[in-house]
């Protein structure tokens, strides 16, 4: 995929929000995952991209590892559960659950609450993104069309980028993060 096709699109705010459930193969068994993906930038509705960079600057020694290799504007939030162990991954990199990484959890929680509350009009999906990029960017490091359980088609991409599905997915990611934070702070 060439980024020229994405960069020719004028992104503002949070765009091209998609959500997908899938199984990521691991050494022992398939881990259950969900991915909330989007393209971030700054606009009159908020400084989502700047806030993401601000959070990265607060995390010592690891901040650049959380940038997406295709574009600094792409954000893949993956929630993976393997047996009883839950992991949050940002652009393919696991986020440690410790005091130094709490700003990332706070940012993602705030972002997912914002997405869950967006109106249809605020949730822009660019046709060129859907056509040229969504297959490769909805799940970090995987083409959706190559995932056996995806049932890939143009209709499935439409479904993954559906506004109601994205809002529901944002709520599920927020609940996942809340559960991790409850465990971290020993809240039942």
N, C-alpha and C. Protein backbone atom coordinates (compact mmCIF):
# COMPACT_ATOMS: atom_id res chain seq x y z
N UNK A 1 0.85 -1.18 0.00
CA UNK A 1 0.00 0.00 0.00
C UNK A 1 0.90 1.23 0.00
N UNK A 2 0.55 2.19 -0.79
CA UNK A 2 1.31 3.42 -0.80
C UNK A 2 0.59 4.46 0.04
N UNK A 3 1.36 5.19 0.80
CA UNK A 3 0.78 6.21 1.66
C UNK A 3 0.34 7.42 0.86
N UNK A 4 0.78 7.52 -0.41
CA UNK A 4 0.34 8.64 -1.25
C UNK A 4 -1.18 8.68 -1.34
N UNK A 5 -1.78 7.50 -1.43
CA UNK A 5 -3.23 7.44 -1.57
C UNK A 5 -3.92 7.88 -0.29
N UNK A 6 -3.28 7.71 0.85
CA UNK A 6 -3.86 8.18 2.11
C UNK A 6 -3.55 9.65 2.31
N UNK A 7 -2.34 10.06 2.00
CA UNK A 7 -1.93 11.44 2.24
C UNK A 7 -2.65 12.44 1.35
N UNK A 8 -3.22 11.99 0.24
CA UNK A 8 -3.96 12.90 -0.63
C UNK A 8 -5.33 13.24 -0.06
N UNK A 9 -5.71 12.56 1.00
CA UNK A 9 -7.01 12.79 1.63
C UNK A 9 -6.82 13.84 2.71
N UNK A 10 -7.75 14.75 2.80
CA UNK A 10 -7.68 15.77 3.85
C UNK A 10 -8.32 15.23 5.12
N UNK A 11 -7.50 14.76 6.06
CA UNK A 11 -8.01 14.24 7.31
C UNK A 11 -8.18 15.37 8.31
N UNK A 12 -9.29 15.40 8.99
CA UNK A 12 -9.48 16.30 10.11
C UNK A 12 -10.16 15.53 11.23
N UNK A 13 -9.84 15.86 12.45
CA UNK A 13 -10.45 15.20 13.60
C UNK A 13 -10.09 13.73 13.66
N UNK A 14 -11.04 12.95 14.11
CA UNK A 14 -10.89 11.49 14.15
C UNK A 14 -11.70 10.98 12.97
N UNK A 15 -11.04 10.32 12.04
CA UNK A 15 -11.73 9.82 10.85
C UNK A 15 -11.48 8.33 10.67
N UNK A 16 -12.29 7.77 9.81
CA UNK A 16 -12.10 6.39 9.38
C UNK A 16 -12.00 5.43 10.57
N UNK A 17 -12.92 5.59 11.49
CA UNK A 17 -12.92 4.76 12.69
C UNK A 17 -13.51 3.40 12.33
N UNK A 18 -12.77 2.36 12.66
CA UNK A 18 -13.23 1.01 12.38
C UNK A 18 -13.05 0.12 13.59
N UNK A 19 -13.85 -0.92 13.65
CA UNK A 19 -13.77 -1.88 14.75
C UNK A 19 -13.96 -3.28 14.20
N UNK A 20 -13.12 -4.21 14.69
CA UNK A 20 -13.19 -5.60 14.24
C UNK A 20 -12.78 -6.52 15.39
N UNK A 21 -13.50 -7.63 15.52
CA UNK A 21 -13.10 -8.73 16.41
C UNK A 21 -12.35 -9.74 15.57
N UNK A 22 -11.32 -10.36 16.13
CA UNK A 22 -10.57 -11.36 15.37
C UNK A 22 -9.78 -12.22 16.34
N UNK A 23 -9.16 -13.27 15.82
CA UNK A 23 -8.28 -14.12 16.61
C UNK A 23 -6.88 -13.97 16.06
N UNK A 24 -5.96 -13.65 16.95
CA UNK A 24 -4.56 -13.53 16.56
C UNK A 24 -3.85 -14.81 16.96
N UNK A 25 -3.25 -15.51 16.01
CA UNK A 25 -2.56 -16.75 16.36
C UNK A 25 -1.40 -16.49 17.32
N UNK A 26 -1.26 -17.36 18.30
CA UNK A 26 -0.12 -17.29 19.21
C UNK A 26 0.50 -18.68 19.26
N UNK A 27 1.55 -18.82 20.05
CA UNK A 27 2.24 -20.11 20.13
C UNK A 27 1.36 -21.20 20.73
N UNK A 28 0.50 -20.85 21.67
CA UNK A 28 -0.28 -21.85 22.38
C UNK A 28 -1.70 -22.03 21.84
N UNK A 29 -2.32 -20.96 21.46
CA UNK A 29 -3.70 -21.00 20.97
C UNK A 29 -4.04 -19.64 20.40
N UNK A 30 -5.23 -19.52 19.87
CA UNK A 30 -5.64 -18.24 19.32
C UNK A 30 -6.04 -17.29 20.45
N UNK A 31 -5.43 -16.13 20.45
CA UNK A 31 -5.79 -15.09 21.40
C UNK A 31 -6.97 -14.32 20.82
N UNK A 32 -7.95 -14.01 21.65
CA UNK A 32 -9.10 -13.22 21.20
C UNK A 32 -8.72 -11.75 21.24
N UNK A 33 -8.98 -11.06 20.15
CA UNK A 33 -8.61 -9.66 20.05
C UNK A 33 -9.74 -8.84 19.46
N UNK A 34 -9.67 -7.56 19.74
CA UNK A 34 -10.54 -6.59 19.09
C UNK A 34 -9.66 -5.39 18.78
N UNK A 35 -9.93 -4.77 17.65
CA UNK A 35 -9.12 -3.64 17.21
C UNK A 35 -10.03 -2.46 16.88
N UNK A 36 -9.69 -1.33 17.47
CA UNK A 36 -10.33 -0.06 17.14
C UNK A 36 -9.26 0.76 16.44
N UNK A 37 -9.51 1.08 15.20
CA UNK A 37 -8.50 1.81 14.43
C UNK A 37 -9.09 3.12 13.93
N UNK A 38 -8.19 4.09 13.68
CA UNK A 38 -8.64 5.41 13.24
C UNK A 38 -7.46 6.19 12.69
N UNK A 39 -7.79 7.31 12.09
CA UNK A 39 -6.79 8.27 11.65
C UNK A 39 -7.03 9.53 12.47
N UNK A 40 -5.98 9.99 13.16
CA UNK A 40 -6.06 11.15 14.03
C UNK A 40 -5.48 12.39 13.37
N UNK A 41 -6.05 13.54 13.69
CA UNK A 41 -5.44 14.82 13.38
C UNK A 41 -6.05 15.85 14.32
N UNK A 42 -5.67 17.07 14.16
CA UNK A 42 -6.20 18.15 15.00
C UNK A 42 -7.20 18.97 14.18
N UNK A 43 -8.29 19.36 14.81
CA UNK A 43 -9.26 20.24 14.17
C UNK A 43 -9.98 21.03 15.25
N UNK A 44 -11.04 21.73 14.86
CA UNK A 44 -11.77 22.57 15.81
C UNK A 44 -12.48 21.75 16.88
N UNK A 45 -12.68 20.44 16.64
CA UNK A 45 -13.32 19.58 17.64
C UNK A 45 -12.36 19.06 18.69
N UNK A 46 -11.07 19.22 18.46
CA UNK A 46 -10.11 18.72 19.43
C UNK A 46 -8.74 18.55 18.83
N UNK A 47 -7.80 18.35 19.69
CA UNK A 47 -6.40 18.17 19.31
C UNK A 47 -5.99 16.72 19.59
N UNK A 48 -6.72 15.78 19.00
CA UNK A 48 -6.51 14.37 19.29
C UNK A 48 -5.10 13.89 18.93
N UNK A 49 -4.56 14.32 17.80
CA UNK A 49 -3.22 13.92 17.41
C UNK A 49 -2.18 14.55 18.33
N UNK A 50 -2.32 15.82 18.62
CA UNK A 50 -1.38 16.51 19.53
C UNK A 50 -1.43 15.87 20.91
N UNK A 51 -2.64 15.55 21.38
CA UNK A 51 -2.76 14.90 22.69
C UNK A 51 -2.07 13.54 22.69
N UNK A 52 -2.18 12.79 21.59
CA UNK A 52 -1.50 11.51 21.48
C UNK A 52 0.01 11.71 21.59
N UNK A 53 0.55 12.68 20.86
CA UNK A 53 1.99 12.96 20.94
C UNK A 53 2.39 13.42 22.34
N UNK A 54 1.54 14.22 22.99
CA UNK A 54 1.84 14.66 24.36
C UNK A 54 1.93 13.47 25.31
N UNK A 55 1.04 12.50 25.14
CA UNK A 55 1.09 11.29 25.97
C UNK A 55 2.37 10.52 25.68
N UNK A 56 2.73 10.39 24.41
CA UNK A 56 3.96 9.68 24.06
C UNK A 56 5.18 10.33 24.71
N UNK A 57 5.19 11.66 24.78
CA UNK A 57 6.31 12.36 25.38
C UNK A 57 6.39 12.15 26.89
N UNK A 58 5.29 11.75 27.52
CA UNK A 58 5.29 11.49 28.96
C UNK A 58 5.82 10.10 29.31
N UNK A 59 5.85 9.22 28.31
CA UNK A 59 6.28 7.84 28.56
C UNK A 59 7.78 7.74 28.28
N UNK A 60 8.56 7.45 29.30
CA UNK A 60 10.02 7.45 29.12
C UNK A 60 10.51 6.31 28.23
N UNK A 61 11.48 6.60 27.42
CA UNK A 61 12.27 5.65 26.65
C UNK A 61 11.53 4.85 25.58
N UNK A 62 10.22 4.88 25.55
CA UNK A 62 9.50 4.00 24.63
C UNK A 62 8.56 4.73 23.68
N UNK A 63 8.50 6.04 23.78
CA UNK A 63 7.43 6.76 23.10
C UNK A 63 7.39 6.54 21.59
N UNK A 64 8.51 6.45 20.92
CA UNK A 64 8.46 6.35 19.46
C UNK A 64 8.05 4.97 18.99
N UNK A 65 8.16 3.98 19.84
CA UNK A 65 7.72 2.64 19.49
C UNK A 65 6.22 2.53 19.34
N UNK A 66 5.47 3.52 19.81
CA UNK A 66 4.02 3.49 19.70
C UNK A 66 3.50 4.17 18.45
N UNK A 67 4.38 4.71 17.62
CA UNK A 67 3.95 5.32 16.36
C UNK A 67 3.74 4.23 15.31
N UNK A 68 2.73 4.40 14.50
CA UNK A 68 2.44 3.43 13.44
C UNK A 68 3.49 3.57 12.34
N UNK A 69 4.02 2.46 11.83
CA UNK A 69 5.06 2.55 10.80
C UNK A 69 4.58 3.13 9.47
N UNK A 70 3.29 3.08 9.19
CA UNK A 70 2.76 3.62 7.93
C UNK A 70 2.58 5.13 7.98
N UNK A 71 2.13 5.64 9.13
CA UNK A 71 1.86 7.06 9.26
C UNK A 71 1.68 7.41 10.73
N UNK A 72 2.20 8.56 11.13
CA UNK A 72 2.07 9.00 12.53
C UNK A 72 0.62 9.30 12.90
N UNK A 73 -0.27 9.43 11.92
CA UNK A 73 -1.67 9.75 12.16
C UNK A 73 -2.54 8.52 12.43
N UNK A 74 -2.04 7.35 12.14
CA UNK A 74 -2.83 6.13 12.29
C UNK A 74 -2.68 5.61 13.72
N UNK A 75 -3.82 5.26 14.30
CA UNK A 75 -3.81 4.69 15.64
C UNK A 75 -4.61 3.40 15.64
N UNK A 76 -3.93 2.30 15.98
CA UNK A 76 -4.58 1.00 16.17
C UNK A 76 -4.54 0.69 17.66
N UNK A 77 -5.71 0.51 18.22
CA UNK A 77 -5.84 0.14 19.63
C UNK A 77 -6.32 -1.30 19.63
N UNK A 78 -5.48 -2.20 20.10
CA UNK A 78 -5.85 -3.62 20.11
C UNK A 78 -5.96 -4.09 21.55
N UNK A 79 -7.05 -4.77 21.82
CA UNK A 79 -7.30 -5.36 23.13
C UNK A 79 -7.25 -6.87 22.94
N UNK A 80 -6.31 -7.53 23.60
CA UNK A 80 -6.12 -8.96 23.42
C UNK A 80 -6.30 -9.68 24.75
N UNK A 81 -7.02 -10.78 24.68
CA UNK A 81 -7.21 -11.62 25.86
C UNK A 81 -6.75 -13.03 25.51
N UNK A 82 -5.86 -13.54 26.34
CA UNK A 82 -5.39 -14.92 26.20
C UNK A 82 -5.57 -15.57 27.56
N UNK A 83 -6.48 -16.53 27.61
CA UNK A 83 -6.88 -17.14 28.87
C UNK A 83 -7.37 -16.03 29.79
N UNK A 84 -6.76 -15.81 30.93
CA UNK A 84 -7.21 -14.75 31.85
C UNK A 84 -6.32 -13.51 31.79
N UNK A 85 -5.45 -13.43 30.80
CA UNK A 85 -4.50 -12.32 30.72
C UNK A 85 -4.94 -11.34 29.63
N UNK A 86 -5.04 -10.07 29.99
CA UNK A 86 -5.46 -9.03 29.05
C UNK A 86 -4.31 -8.07 28.76
N UNK A 87 -4.17 -7.70 27.50
CA UNK A 87 -3.10 -6.79 27.09
C UNK A 87 -3.66 -5.73 26.15
N UNK A 88 -3.25 -4.50 26.38
CA UNK A 88 -3.56 -3.40 25.47
C UNK A 88 -2.34 -3.18 24.59
N UNK A 89 -2.56 -3.12 23.28
CA UNK A 89 -1.48 -2.84 22.35
C UNK A 89 -1.82 -1.56 21.59
N UNK A 90 -0.83 -0.70 21.46
CA UNK A 90 -0.97 0.53 20.68
C UNK A 90 -0.05 0.39 19.48
N UNK A 91 -0.66 0.40 18.31
CA UNK A 91 0.09 0.23 17.06
C UNK A 91 1.05 -0.95 17.13
N UNK A 92 0.53 -2.07 17.67
CA UNK A 92 1.28 -3.31 17.71
C UNK A 92 2.20 -3.49 18.88
N UNK A 93 2.33 -2.48 19.71
CA UNK A 93 3.26 -2.58 20.84
C UNK A 93 2.48 -2.67 22.15
N UNK A 94 2.76 -3.70 22.97
CA UNK A 94 2.06 -3.82 24.26
C UNK A 94 2.36 -2.63 25.17
N UNK A 95 1.33 -2.23 25.91
CA UNK A 95 1.47 -1.14 26.87
C UNK A 95 1.58 -1.77 28.26
N UNK A 96 2.70 -1.50 28.93
CA UNK A 96 2.88 -2.00 30.28
C UNK A 96 1.85 -1.39 31.21
N UNK A 97 1.39 -2.17 32.15
CA UNK A 97 0.45 -1.67 33.14
C UNK A 97 1.27 -1.28 34.37
N UNK A 98 1.71 -0.02 34.36
CA UNK A 98 2.47 0.52 35.49
C UNK A 98 2.27 2.03 35.53
N UNK A 99 2.81 2.66 36.55
CA UNK A 99 2.60 4.10 36.73
C UNK A 99 3.09 4.93 35.55
N UNK A 100 4.22 4.53 34.95
CA UNK A 100 4.78 5.30 33.84
C UNK A 100 3.87 5.31 32.62
N UNK A 101 3.09 4.25 32.44
CA UNK A 101 2.25 4.13 31.25
C UNK A 101 0.79 4.51 31.49
N UNK A 102 0.45 4.93 32.70
CA UNK A 102 -0.92 5.34 32.99
C UNK A 102 -1.43 6.45 32.07
N UNK A 103 -0.59 7.41 31.65
CA UNK A 103 -1.11 8.44 30.73
C UNK A 103 -1.67 7.85 29.42
N UNK A 104 -1.10 6.74 28.95
CA UNK A 104 -1.61 6.12 27.73
C UNK A 104 -3.00 5.54 27.98
N UNK A 105 -3.17 4.87 29.11
CA UNK A 105 -4.48 4.31 29.43
C UNK A 105 -5.52 5.42 29.58
N UNK A 106 -5.13 6.51 30.21
CA UNK A 106 -6.06 7.64 30.39
C UNK A 106 -6.44 8.24 29.04
N UNK A 107 -5.46 8.42 28.15
CA UNK A 107 -5.73 8.98 26.83
C UNK A 107 -6.68 8.08 26.04
N UNK A 108 -6.41 6.78 26.03
CA UNK A 108 -7.25 5.86 25.26
C UNK A 108 -8.66 5.82 25.85
N UNK A 109 -8.77 5.86 27.17
CA UNK A 109 -10.10 5.87 27.80
C UNK A 109 -10.86 7.13 27.39
N UNK A 110 -10.19 8.28 27.42
CA UNK A 110 -10.84 9.54 27.03
C UNK A 110 -11.23 9.50 25.55
N UNK A 111 -10.33 9.01 24.71
CA UNK A 111 -10.58 8.95 23.27
C UNK A 111 -11.76 8.03 22.96
N UNK A 112 -11.82 6.88 23.61
CA UNK A 112 -12.91 5.95 23.33
C UNK A 112 -14.25 6.48 23.84
N UNK A 113 -14.25 7.22 24.95
CA UNK A 113 -15.49 7.85 25.40
C UNK A 113 -15.94 8.90 24.38
N UNK A 114 -14.98 9.64 23.83
CA UNK A 114 -15.31 10.64 22.82
C UNK A 114 -15.91 9.99 21.58
N UNK A 115 -15.29 8.91 21.12
CA UNK A 115 -15.78 8.21 19.93
C UNK A 115 -17.18 7.66 20.17
N UNK A 116 -17.40 7.08 21.34
CA UNK A 116 -18.71 6.50 21.65
C UNK A 116 -19.81 7.57 21.63
N UNK A 117 -19.44 8.82 21.85
CA UNK A 117 -20.42 9.90 21.88
C UNK A 117 -20.53 10.71 20.60
N UNK A 118 -19.77 10.36 19.56
CA UNK A 118 -19.82 11.10 18.31
C UNK A 118 -21.14 10.86 17.58
N UNK A 119 -21.61 11.88 16.88
CA UNK A 119 -22.79 11.73 16.04
C UNK A 119 -22.36 11.14 14.69
N UNK A 120 -23.34 10.68 13.92
CA UNK A 120 -23.02 10.15 12.59
C UNK A 120 -22.30 11.20 11.74
N UNK A 121 -22.74 12.44 11.83
CA UNK A 121 -22.14 13.51 11.04
C UNK A 121 -20.67 13.73 11.41
N UNK A 122 -20.33 13.53 12.67
CA UNK A 122 -18.95 13.73 13.14
C UNK A 122 -18.04 12.55 12.77
N UNK A 123 -18.61 11.43 12.37
CA UNK A 123 -17.83 10.23 12.07
C UNK A 123 -17.65 10.09 10.56
N UNK A 124 -16.61 10.71 10.06
CA UNK A 124 -16.33 10.73 8.63
C UNK A 124 -15.56 9.48 8.22
N UNK A 125 -16.01 8.85 7.15
CA UNK A 125 -15.30 7.73 6.55
C UNK A 125 -15.04 8.11 5.10
N UNK A 126 -13.77 8.23 4.75
CA UNK A 126 -13.40 8.58 3.39
C UNK A 126 -13.46 7.35 2.48
N UNK A 127 -14.11 7.49 1.33
CA UNK A 127 -14.22 6.39 0.38
C UNK A 127 -12.85 5.90 -0.06
N UNK A 128 -11.92 6.83 -0.27
CA UNK A 128 -10.58 6.41 -0.71
C UNK A 128 -9.85 5.63 0.37
N UNK A 129 -10.09 5.96 1.65
CA UNK A 129 -9.51 5.17 2.75
C UNK A 129 -10.09 3.76 2.71
N UNK A 130 -11.40 3.68 2.57
CA UNK A 130 -12.08 2.39 2.53
C UNK A 130 -11.53 1.54 1.38
N UNK A 131 -11.35 2.17 0.23
CA UNK A 131 -10.91 1.45 -0.96
C UNK A 131 -9.42 1.08 -0.93
N UNK A 132 -8.56 1.99 -0.47
CA UNK A 132 -7.12 1.79 -0.60
C UNK A 132 -6.39 1.39 0.68
N UNK A 133 -6.96 1.67 1.85
CA UNK A 133 -6.17 1.50 3.08
C UNK A 133 -6.80 0.61 4.14
N UNK A 134 -8.10 0.56 4.22
CA UNK A 134 -8.77 -0.11 5.34
C UNK A 134 -8.34 -1.56 5.49
N UNK A 135 -8.22 -2.29 4.39
CA UNK A 135 -7.83 -3.70 4.46
C UNK A 135 -6.52 -3.88 5.22
N UNK A 136 -5.57 -2.98 5.02
CA UNK A 136 -4.25 -3.09 5.65
C UNK A 136 -4.15 -2.41 7.00
N UNK A 137 -5.07 -1.50 7.32
CA UNK A 137 -4.90 -0.70 8.53
C UNK A 137 -5.89 -0.98 9.65
N UNK A 138 -6.95 -1.74 9.39
CA UNK A 138 -7.92 -2.01 10.45
C UNK A 138 -7.33 -2.85 11.59
N UNK A 139 -6.41 -3.75 11.25
CA UNK A 139 -5.74 -4.58 12.24
C UNK A 139 -4.25 -4.39 12.04
N UNK A 140 -3.53 -4.07 13.11
CA UNK A 140 -2.10 -3.82 12.99
C UNK A 140 -1.37 -5.08 12.51
N UNK A 141 -0.59 -4.93 11.46
CA UNK A 141 0.26 -6.01 10.97
C UNK A 141 -0.45 -7.12 10.22
N UNK A 142 -1.74 -6.96 9.95
CA UNK A 142 -2.50 -8.00 9.26
C UNK A 142 -3.38 -7.36 8.19
N UNK A 143 -3.54 -8.05 7.09
CA UNK A 143 -4.54 -7.66 6.11
C UNK A 143 -5.83 -8.36 6.50
N UNK A 144 -6.89 -7.61 6.64
CA UNK A 144 -8.17 -8.21 7.00
C UNK A 144 -8.55 -9.26 5.96
N UNK A 145 -8.28 -9.01 4.70
CA UNK A 145 -8.64 -9.95 3.64
C UNK A 145 -7.90 -11.29 3.75
N UNK A 146 -6.81 -11.34 4.49
CA UNK A 146 -6.03 -12.57 4.67
C UNK A 146 -6.39 -13.30 5.95
N UNK A 147 -7.25 -12.71 6.77
CA UNK A 147 -7.65 -13.33 8.03
C UNK A 147 -8.79 -14.30 7.74
N UNK A 148 -8.62 -15.58 8.07
CA UNK A 148 -9.62 -16.58 7.68
C UNK A 148 -11.01 -16.33 8.24
N UNK A 149 -11.11 -15.81 9.45
CA UNK A 149 -12.44 -15.64 10.04
C UNK A 149 -13.12 -14.33 9.67
N UNK A 150 -12.46 -13.48 8.88
CA UNK A 150 -13.03 -12.17 8.59
C UNK A 150 -14.20 -12.22 7.62
N UNK A 151 -14.27 -13.26 6.78
CA UNK A 151 -15.32 -13.29 5.77
C UNK A 151 -15.21 -12.06 4.88
N UNK A 152 -13.99 -11.69 4.52
CA UNK A 152 -13.69 -10.44 3.85
C UNK A 152 -14.49 -10.23 2.56
N UNK A 153 -15.01 -9.03 2.47
CA UNK A 153 -15.64 -8.55 1.24
C UNK A 153 -15.76 -7.03 1.38
N UNK A 154 -16.19 -6.38 0.31
CA UNK A 154 -16.42 -4.94 0.42
C UNK A 154 -17.49 -4.66 1.46
N UNK A 155 -18.47 -5.54 1.57
CA UNK A 155 -19.52 -5.36 2.57
C UNK A 155 -18.96 -5.49 3.99
N UNK A 156 -17.97 -6.39 4.18
CA UNK A 156 -17.40 -6.53 5.52
C UNK A 156 -16.62 -5.27 5.90
N UNK A 157 -15.91 -4.67 4.97
CA UNK A 157 -15.22 -3.41 5.25
C UNK A 157 -16.23 -2.34 5.62
N UNK A 158 -17.34 -2.28 4.88
CA UNK A 158 -18.41 -1.33 5.24
C UNK A 158 -18.90 -1.59 6.66
N UNK A 159 -19.04 -2.86 7.02
CA UNK A 159 -19.51 -3.20 8.37
C UNK A 159 -18.50 -2.74 9.42
N UNK A 160 -17.21 -3.04 9.22
CA UNK A 160 -16.18 -2.68 10.20
C UNK A 160 -16.08 -1.16 10.37
N UNK A 161 -16.41 -0.41 9.33
CA UNK A 161 -16.35 1.05 9.39
C UNK A 161 -17.73 1.68 9.66
N UNK A 162 -18.72 0.86 9.93
CA UNK A 162 -20.06 1.34 10.25
C UNK A 162 -20.01 2.18 11.53
N UNK A 163 -20.68 3.29 11.53
CA UNK A 163 -20.62 4.22 12.67
C UNK A 163 -21.13 3.59 13.96
N UNK A 164 -22.22 2.83 13.88
CA UNK A 164 -22.73 2.18 15.09
C UNK A 164 -21.78 1.11 15.60
N UNK A 165 -21.17 0.37 14.69
CA UNK A 165 -20.20 -0.65 15.08
C UNK A 165 -18.99 0.02 15.73
N UNK A 166 -18.53 1.13 15.15
CA UNK A 166 -17.38 1.86 15.71
C UNK A 166 -17.69 2.40 17.11
N UNK A 167 -18.88 2.96 17.28
CA UNK A 167 -19.26 3.46 18.62
C UNK A 167 -19.34 2.32 19.63
N UNK A 168 -19.96 1.21 19.23
CA UNK A 168 -20.05 0.05 20.10
C UNK A 168 -18.65 -0.47 20.43
N UNK A 169 -17.80 -0.53 19.43
CA UNK A 169 -16.43 -0.99 19.64
C UNK A 169 -15.66 -0.09 20.58
N UNK A 170 -15.85 1.22 20.45
CA UNK A 170 -15.19 2.16 21.35
C UNK A 170 -15.63 1.92 22.78
N UNK A 171 -16.92 1.65 22.97
CA UNK A 171 -17.42 1.34 24.31
C UNK A 171 -16.81 0.06 24.86
N UNK A 172 -16.63 -0.94 24.00
CA UNK A 172 -16.02 -2.21 24.44
C UNK A 172 -14.55 -2.02 24.79
N UNK A 173 -13.84 -1.22 24.01
CA UNK A 173 -12.43 -0.94 24.31
C UNK A 173 -12.33 -0.17 25.63
N UNK A 174 -13.24 0.79 25.83
CA UNK A 174 -13.24 1.55 27.07
C UNK A 174 -13.48 0.63 28.27
N UNK A 175 -14.41 -0.31 28.16
CA UNK A 175 -14.68 -1.26 29.24
C UNK A 175 -13.47 -2.16 29.49
N UNK A 176 -12.77 -2.55 28.42
CA UNK A 176 -11.56 -3.37 28.53
C UNK A 176 -10.50 -2.63 29.34
N UNK A 177 -10.29 -1.35 29.00
CA UNK A 177 -9.30 -0.53 29.71
C UNK A 177 -9.72 -0.34 31.16
N UNK A 178 -11.00 -0.08 31.38
CA UNK A 178 -11.50 0.09 32.74
C UNK A 178 -11.23 -1.16 33.58
N UNK A 179 -11.43 -2.33 32.98
CA UNK A 179 -11.18 -3.58 33.69
C UNK A 179 -9.69 -3.72 34.05
N UNK A 180 -8.81 -3.40 33.11
CA UNK A 180 -7.36 -3.45 33.39
C UNK A 180 -7.01 -2.49 34.52
N UNK A 181 -7.56 -1.28 34.47
CA UNK A 181 -7.27 -0.28 35.51
C UNK A 181 -7.85 -0.71 36.87
N UNK A 182 -9.03 -1.31 36.88
CA UNK A 182 -9.59 -1.81 38.13
C UNK A 182 -8.70 -2.87 38.75
N UNK A 183 -8.15 -3.77 37.92
CA UNK A 183 -7.23 -4.78 38.43
C UNK A 183 -5.94 -4.13 38.95
N UNK A 184 -5.44 -3.15 38.21
CA UNK A 184 -4.20 -2.47 38.60
C UNK A 184 -4.35 -1.76 39.95
N UNK A 185 -5.49 -1.12 40.14
CA UNK A 185 -5.72 -0.39 41.38
C UNK A 185 -6.46 -1.23 42.43
N UNK A 186 -6.61 -2.54 42.15
CA UNK A 186 -7.26 -3.48 43.08
C UNK A 186 -8.67 -3.04 43.43
N UNK A 187 -9.42 -2.62 42.41
CA UNK A 187 -10.83 -2.24 42.59
C UNK A 187 -11.70 -3.38 42.06
N UNK A 188 -12.69 -3.76 42.83
CA UNK A 188 -13.57 -4.85 42.38
C UNK A 188 -14.90 -4.35 41.98
